[in-house]
Protein backbone atom coordinates (compact mmCIF):
# COMPACT_ATOMS: atom_id res chain seq x y z
CA MET A 1 12.50 26.36 63.38
CA ALA A 2 12.34 29.23 65.88
CA VAL A 3 9.15 31.28 66.21
CA ASP A 4 9.35 34.95 65.18
CA GLU A 5 9.59 36.94 68.44
CA LYS A 6 6.89 39.33 67.19
CA ARG A 7 4.43 36.50 66.61
CA TRP A 8 1.82 36.11 69.35
CA GLY A 9 0.95 32.83 71.01
CA MET A 10 -2.76 33.18 71.77
CA LEU A 11 -4.84 31.09 74.13
CA PHE A 12 -8.63 31.24 73.75
CA CYS A 13 -10.72 30.24 76.79
CA PRO A 14 -14.44 30.04 75.88
CA LYS A 15 -16.87 31.20 78.56
CA GLN A 16 -20.18 30.82 76.74
CA SER A 17 -22.01 28.32 74.55
CA ALA A 18 -20.15 26.86 71.58
CA ARG A 19 -22.17 29.00 69.15
CA ARG A 20 -21.49 32.30 70.94
CA SER A 21 -17.83 31.45 71.49
CA ARG A 22 -17.45 30.64 67.80
CA LYS A 23 -18.99 34.00 66.83
CA TYR A 24 -16.70 35.84 69.24
CA LEU A 25 -13.65 34.01 67.90
CA GLU A 26 -14.61 34.80 64.29
CA ARG A 27 -14.90 38.51 65.17
CA LEU A 28 -11.59 38.41 67.05
CA GLU A 29 -9.74 36.77 64.17
CA LYS A 30 -11.21 39.29 61.72
CA ILE A 31 -9.90 42.21 63.82
CA LEU A 32 -6.48 40.56 64.15
CA ALA A 33 -6.30 40.12 60.36
CA GLU A 34 -7.33 43.76 59.75
CA LYS A 35 -4.52 44.94 62.04
CA GLY A 36 -1.96 42.65 60.47
CA VAL A 37 -1.18 40.68 63.64
CA ALA A 38 0.87 37.52 63.21
CA TYR A 39 -0.31 34.89 65.68
CA ASP A 40 -0.98 31.24 66.39
CA LEU A 41 -4.05 30.34 68.42
CA VAL A 42 -4.83 27.38 70.63
CA GLN A 43 -8.08 26.78 72.49
CA SER A 44 -8.58 25.48 76.01
CA GLU A 45 -11.73 23.55 76.82
CA SER A 46 -11.40 24.25 80.57
CA THR A 47 -9.40 26.35 83.00
CA LYS A 48 -7.37 23.28 83.96
CA GLY A 49 -6.12 22.99 80.39
CA VAL A 50 -4.65 26.50 80.36
CA ALA A 51 -1.36 25.63 82.10
CA ARG A 52 -0.62 22.78 79.67
CA LEU A 53 -1.17 25.03 76.66
CA VAL A 54 0.85 27.93 78.11
CA ARG A 55 3.74 25.51 78.71
CA MET A 56 3.45 24.41 75.09
CA LEU A 57 3.57 28.02 73.84
CA VAL A 58 6.59 28.84 76.01
CA ASN A 59 8.40 25.66 74.98
CA ASN A 60 7.86 26.61 71.34
CA GLY A 61 9.54 29.98 71.84
CA TYR A 62 6.66 32.49 71.90
CA LYS A 63 7.69 35.71 73.65
CA THR A 64 4.25 37.36 73.67
CA ILE A 65 1.50 35.21 75.16
CA VAL A 66 -2.03 36.58 75.00
CA VAL A 67 -4.81 35.04 77.09
CA VAL A 68 -8.33 35.56 75.75
CA GLY A 69 -10.16 34.85 78.99
CA GLY A 70 -10.73 35.98 82.56
CA ASP A 71 -9.01 36.03 85.93
CA SER A 72 -8.97 32.23 86.38
CA ALA A 73 -7.26 31.71 83.03
CA LEU A 74 -4.73 34.46 83.81
CA ASN A 75 -4.07 32.80 87.16
CA GLU A 76 -3.23 29.50 85.49
CA ALA A 77 -1.00 31.32 83.00
CA VAL A 78 1.05 33.18 85.63
CA ASN A 79 1.45 30.04 87.75
CA CYS A 80 2.81 28.30 84.67
CA LEU A 81 5.19 31.18 83.89
CA MET A 82 6.45 31.20 87.50
CA GLU A 83 7.70 27.64 86.93
CA ARG A 84 10.26 28.98 84.45
CA PRO A 85 13.73 30.31 85.34
CA VAL A 86 13.93 34.05 86.02
CA GLU A 87 16.11 34.69 82.97
CA GLU A 88 13.66 32.94 80.64
CA ARG A 89 10.61 34.60 82.22
CA ALA A 90 12.19 38.04 81.80
CA GLY A 91 11.93 37.65 78.02
CA ILE A 92 8.20 36.76 78.01
CA SER A 93 5.33 39.25 78.09
CA LEU A 94 1.76 38.36 79.09
CA GLY A 95 -1.23 40.11 77.57
CA VAL A 96 -4.97 39.70 78.05
CA ILE A 97 -8.07 40.21 75.94
CA PRO A 98 -10.77 40.14 78.65
CA TYR A 99 -13.32 37.42 78.00
CA GLY A 100 -14.12 36.03 81.44
CA VAL A 101 -16.99 36.33 83.89
CA LEU A 102 -15.65 39.32 85.87
CA ASN A 103 -12.24 40.25 84.37
CA ASP A 104 -11.19 42.10 87.51
CA PHE A 105 -7.45 42.28 86.76
CA ALA A 106 -8.02 43.49 83.19
CA LYS A 107 -10.49 46.15 84.40
CA PHE A 108 -7.93 47.39 86.92
CA TRP A 109 -5.64 48.37 84.03
CA GLY A 110 -8.46 49.94 82.03
CA TYR A 111 -9.19 47.14 79.56
CA LYS A 112 -12.85 46.79 78.53
CA GLU A 113 -14.31 43.47 77.46
CA GLY A 114 -16.37 44.89 74.61
CA ASP A 115 -13.59 47.02 73.11
CA VAL A 116 -11.50 44.34 71.40
CA PRO A 117 -9.90 46.64 68.77
CA SER A 118 -8.47 49.01 71.42
CA THR A 119 -7.21 46.07 73.48
CA ILE A 120 -5.42 44.62 70.47
CA ASP A 121 -3.91 48.06 69.72
CA SER A 122 -2.52 48.16 73.26
CA ILE A 123 -0.94 44.72 72.87
CA ILE A 124 0.56 45.78 69.53
CA SER A 125 2.05 48.86 71.24
CA HIS A 126 3.58 46.45 73.77
CA ARG A 127 3.84 48.78 76.76
CA VAL A 128 5.01 46.48 79.53
CA ARG A 129 4.90 46.84 83.31
CA THR A 130 6.56 44.30 85.58
CA VAL A 131 3.98 43.49 88.24
CA ASP A 132 3.86 41.79 91.64
CA LEU A 133 2.12 38.51 92.37
CA GLY A 134 0.63 37.36 95.62
CA LEU A 135 1.89 33.99 96.83
CA MET A 136 -0.05 31.55 98.98
CA THR A 137 2.05 28.75 100.52
CA TYR A 138 0.09 25.87 102.04
CA VAL A 139 0.23 22.16 102.83
CA ASP A 140 -2.39 19.78 101.41
CA LYS A 141 -4.03 16.83 103.17
CA GLU A 142 -1.23 14.54 101.96
CA GLY A 143 1.30 16.78 103.70
CA ILE A 144 2.74 18.16 100.43
CA SER A 145 3.70 21.84 100.34
CA HIS A 146 2.37 23.98 97.48
CA ASN A 147 2.94 27.48 96.12
CA ARG A 148 -0.06 29.13 94.50
CA TYR A 149 0.39 32.55 92.90
CA PHE A 150 -2.46 35.00 92.39
CA ILE A 151 -2.88 38.16 90.33
CA ASP A 152 -5.93 39.61 92.06
CA CYS A 153 -7.08 38.08 95.33
CA ILE A 154 -7.68 35.17 97.67
CA ASN A 155 -11.04 34.74 99.42
CA ILE A 156 -11.39 32.60 102.53
CA GLY A 157 -14.89 31.98 103.86
CA LEU A 158 -18.23 33.16 102.50
CA ILE A 159 -17.21 34.24 98.98
CA ALA A 160 -15.40 30.97 98.32
CA ASP A 161 -18.39 29.11 99.79
CA MET A 162 -20.55 30.92 97.22
CA MET A 163 -18.19 29.66 94.50
CA ASN A 164 -18.69 26.12 95.78
CA LEU A 165 -22.49 26.48 95.89
CA ARG A 166 -22.50 27.97 92.40
CA ARG A 167 -20.40 25.12 91.04
CA GLN A 168 -22.77 22.56 92.58
CA THR A 169 -25.94 24.29 91.37
CA ARG A 170 -24.52 24.85 87.90
CA SER A 171 -23.76 21.16 87.52
CA LEU A 172 -27.43 20.49 88.34
CA LEU A 173 -29.08 23.39 86.50
CA GLY A 174 -26.70 23.89 83.59
CA SER A 175 -27.27 27.66 83.46
CA ARG A 176 -24.55 30.08 84.64
CA SER A 177 -27.01 32.89 85.46
CA LEU A 178 -29.60 30.68 87.13
CA SER A 179 -26.95 28.94 89.24
CA PHE A 180 -25.75 32.34 90.51
CA VAL A 181 -29.28 33.32 91.62
CA VAL A 182 -30.00 29.94 93.24
CA SER A 183 -26.64 29.83 95.08
CA ALA A 184 -27.26 33.37 96.41
CA LEU A 185 -30.67 32.27 97.74
CA LEU A 186 -29.18 29.14 99.32
CA LEU A 187 -26.74 31.30 101.28
CA VAL A 188 -29.63 32.44 103.48
CA PHE A 189 -29.79 28.89 104.90
CA HIS A 190 -26.03 28.31 104.78
CA ARG A 191 -23.15 28.68 107.19
CA MET A 192 -22.03 32.33 107.20
CA GLU A 193 -19.35 32.47 109.89
CA TYR A 194 -16.00 30.75 110.36
CA ARG A 195 -13.63 30.63 113.29
CA MET A 196 -10.33 32.06 112.07
CA LYS A 197 -7.00 32.99 113.56
CA LEU A 198 -4.87 35.35 111.49
CA LYS A 199 -1.67 37.30 111.95
CA ILE A 200 -1.59 40.44 109.79
CA ASN A 201 1.67 42.32 110.30
CA ASN A 202 1.83 42.37 114.11
CA ASP A 203 -1.95 42.31 114.59
CA MET A 204 -3.71 39.12 115.70
CA VAL A 205 -7.28 38.38 114.63
CA ASP A 206 -8.85 35.48 116.54
CA ARG A 207 -12.62 35.46 116.20
CA LYS A 208 -15.58 34.41 114.10
CA VAL A 209 -15.52 36.14 110.72
CA MET A 210 -17.60 35.96 107.59
CA ASN A 211 -14.91 36.39 104.95
CA VAL A 212 -11.28 37.37 104.51
CA CYS A 213 -10.11 38.83 101.22
CA ILE A 214 -6.37 39.23 100.58
CA GLY A 215 -5.78 41.29 97.46
CA SER A 216 -2.81 42.23 95.34
CA GLY A 217 -5.45 43.80 93.09
CA PRO A 218 -8.96 45.21 93.63
CA GLY A 219 -10.38 41.88 94.82
CA TYR A 220 -13.73 42.33 93.05
CA GLY A 221 -14.28 45.48 95.10
CA GLN A 222 -13.24 44.05 98.48
CA THR A 223 -9.69 45.48 98.42
CA PRO A 224 -10.31 48.51 96.18
CA ASN A 225 -7.06 50.30 97.08
CA ALA A 226 -4.70 47.38 96.41
CA VAL A 227 -2.20 47.70 93.56
CA PRO A 228 0.10 45.01 92.09
CA TYR A 229 3.26 47.11 92.24
CA ASN A 230 3.88 48.20 95.85
CA GLY A 231 5.16 44.94 97.35
CA MET A 232 2.14 44.63 99.64
CA VAL A 233 -1.33 43.10 99.84
CA ASP A 234 -4.49 44.68 101.16
CA VAL A 235 -6.66 42.64 103.53
CA SER A 236 -10.36 43.05 104.27
CA VAL A 237 -11.63 41.12 107.29
CA VAL A 238 -15.43 40.95 107.39
CA ARG A 239 -16.81 40.27 110.85
CA SER A 240 -19.79 38.00 111.36
CA THR A 241 -22.99 40.03 110.89
CA GLY A 242 -26.72 39.51 110.56
CA LEU A 243 -28.61 39.04 107.30
CA LEU A 244 -29.52 42.73 106.91
CA GLN A 245 -25.91 43.79 107.35
CA LEU A 246 -24.89 41.11 104.86
CA LEU A 247 -27.29 42.56 102.28
CA GLU A 248 -25.97 46.04 103.07
CA GLY A 249 -22.45 44.71 102.51
CA PHE A 250 -23.34 43.36 99.06
CA TRP A 251 -24.96 46.70 98.18
CA LEU A 252 -21.83 48.62 99.23
CA LEU A 253 -19.69 46.12 97.31
CA PHE A 254 -21.65 46.62 94.09
CA THR A 255 -21.57 50.42 94.50
CA GLY A 256 -17.83 50.61 95.16
CA ARG A 257 -18.05 51.53 98.87
CA PHE A 258 -17.27 48.19 100.50
CA LEU A 259 -14.75 49.58 103.00
CA ASN A 260 -17.50 51.85 104.41
CA HIS A 261 -19.31 48.82 105.86
CA ARG A 262 -19.20 48.79 109.67
CA GLY A 263 -18.26 45.10 109.69
CA VAL A 264 -15.14 45.49 107.52
CA THR A 265 -11.67 46.04 108.97
CA PRO A 266 -9.00 46.88 106.34
CA TYR A 267 -5.26 46.21 106.61
CA ARG A 268 -2.17 46.55 104.42
CA ALA A 269 0.59 43.99 104.89
CA ARG A 270 3.69 42.33 103.48
CA LYS A 271 2.80 39.01 105.08
CA VAL A 272 -0.40 37.36 106.29
CA GLU A 273 -0.44 34.12 108.28
CA ILE A 274 -3.67 32.10 108.38
CA MET A 275 -3.18 29.93 111.45
CA LYS A 276 -6.71 28.59 111.58
CA ALA A 277 -9.72 28.72 109.25
CA SER A 278 -12.05 25.97 110.36
CA HIS A 279 -14.14 24.44 107.54
CA ALA A 280 -13.60 27.50 105.32
CA TYR A 281 -13.35 27.19 101.56
CA VAL A 282 -10.63 29.08 99.67
CA GLY A 283 -10.97 30.75 96.29
CA VAL A 284 -8.05 32.13 94.27
CA ASP A 285 -8.71 34.65 91.47
CA GLY A 286 -12.31 33.53 91.18
CA GLN A 287 -11.45 29.83 91.11
CA LEU A 288 -12.37 27.45 93.93
CA VAL A 289 -9.34 25.69 95.43
CA GLY A 290 -11.01 23.75 98.25
CA LYS A 291 -10.81 23.77 102.05
CA LEU A 292 -7.68 24.65 103.98
CA CYS A 293 -6.29 21.55 105.66
CA ASP A 294 -3.67 23.41 107.64
CA SER A 295 -2.23 26.87 108.12
CA CYS A 296 -1.01 28.89 105.16
CA THR A 297 1.08 32.00 104.55
CA VAL A 298 0.50 34.79 102.04
CA THR A 299 3.39 36.97 100.87
CA VAL A 300 4.27 39.05 97.80
CA GLU A 301 6.72 38.29 95.00
CA GLN A 302 7.77 41.68 93.63
CA GLU A 303 8.13 42.51 89.93
CA VAL A 304 8.03 38.98 88.55
CA ILE A 305 5.66 39.05 85.55
CA ASN A 306 5.86 41.28 82.47
CA PHE A 307 2.27 42.37 81.85
CA ILE A 308 1.18 44.35 78.78
CA ILE A 309 -0.86 47.38 79.85
CA PRO A 310 -2.90 49.89 77.81
CA SER A 311 -0.82 52.45 75.92
C-alpha cells in the first residue's frame, strides 16, 4: 500500500540523555498532534544509522522527510538522497527540526531550535528551495574513490583535530560539555600547524596553515558570506599563528567577525584542489571523517536537494 504523499517520514536523532530525549520527543509529538500532522517516526541511535533509515523511508514512498537533528544527521540524509536517481530525488523534499549541537544549516535559514511550533508550521507550509551541495571527491587508503556531499562546510586541520580530541575525551569522560573544555585545553599542547598545498581558482597556497574551511554555508562562522545557491564555495585559509592570535581568532569567531582576523585569507571558488595536507584531520558538517590519505577535490553540485525553508 502506497504512503500518502502528504504524510511525513520523520527521523529522530537524540542528542542528549535518554530521559531528556524522551521528554523532547513527547513534546514534539504533542505539537504534531495539535497541528494535525500525519507522520510516521523512526529513531536513530547514532549518526551512522541515519542513512539506513532515510533509505527505508524513501523506499517506502515518503515524499517529505523531516530530520529532527543537527548538521551531521542532515549530512547523512543528503548523502543518502544523492544516491537516488535525479527524477526520484526531484519528488522528495527534506525538512529539519533543529535538534543538534550547533544546527548551523538550520540557523542559516532562520530556524530556531527552541521554537518547534513555528518550525512545524513552516514544514506544513512546504515552501521549498532547491539548494546546492558541496562535493568532496577523495581516495581512501585502499585506493577506492569516494564522493562525500556536504550542506555546510569541510574543515581541514585544527578544527577537525578538535573534533578528534573531543571524541577521544568524551569516550573517557562521558560528558559532552566537559569533553569540550578538556579538548580545548589540550589544544595548547597539541599540533597547531599543517603543511598544505591548495589550488583555489588559479591561486596556489603552499605553506604551513592552521585550518582551512570550505563552506557552501556559513561554516560555523568561518565562511559567513557563503550561501548554498550561487554555485560556489567560500574558503577561509587560516595561517599559522601564535597562541594569542589563536585566542583572538576564537573571540572573533564567536562574535561574528572571523574574517577580520589578520591571519585569515578569504576566497570564493567553484573548485578547490587539496594537493597536500600532511597529517591533517578532516571534518565534514561537524562530523569527523579521518585523515586525508591523498589529494582531494571540492566542487559544487548546483540545485540538487529540495529543502523546506521558513515561510
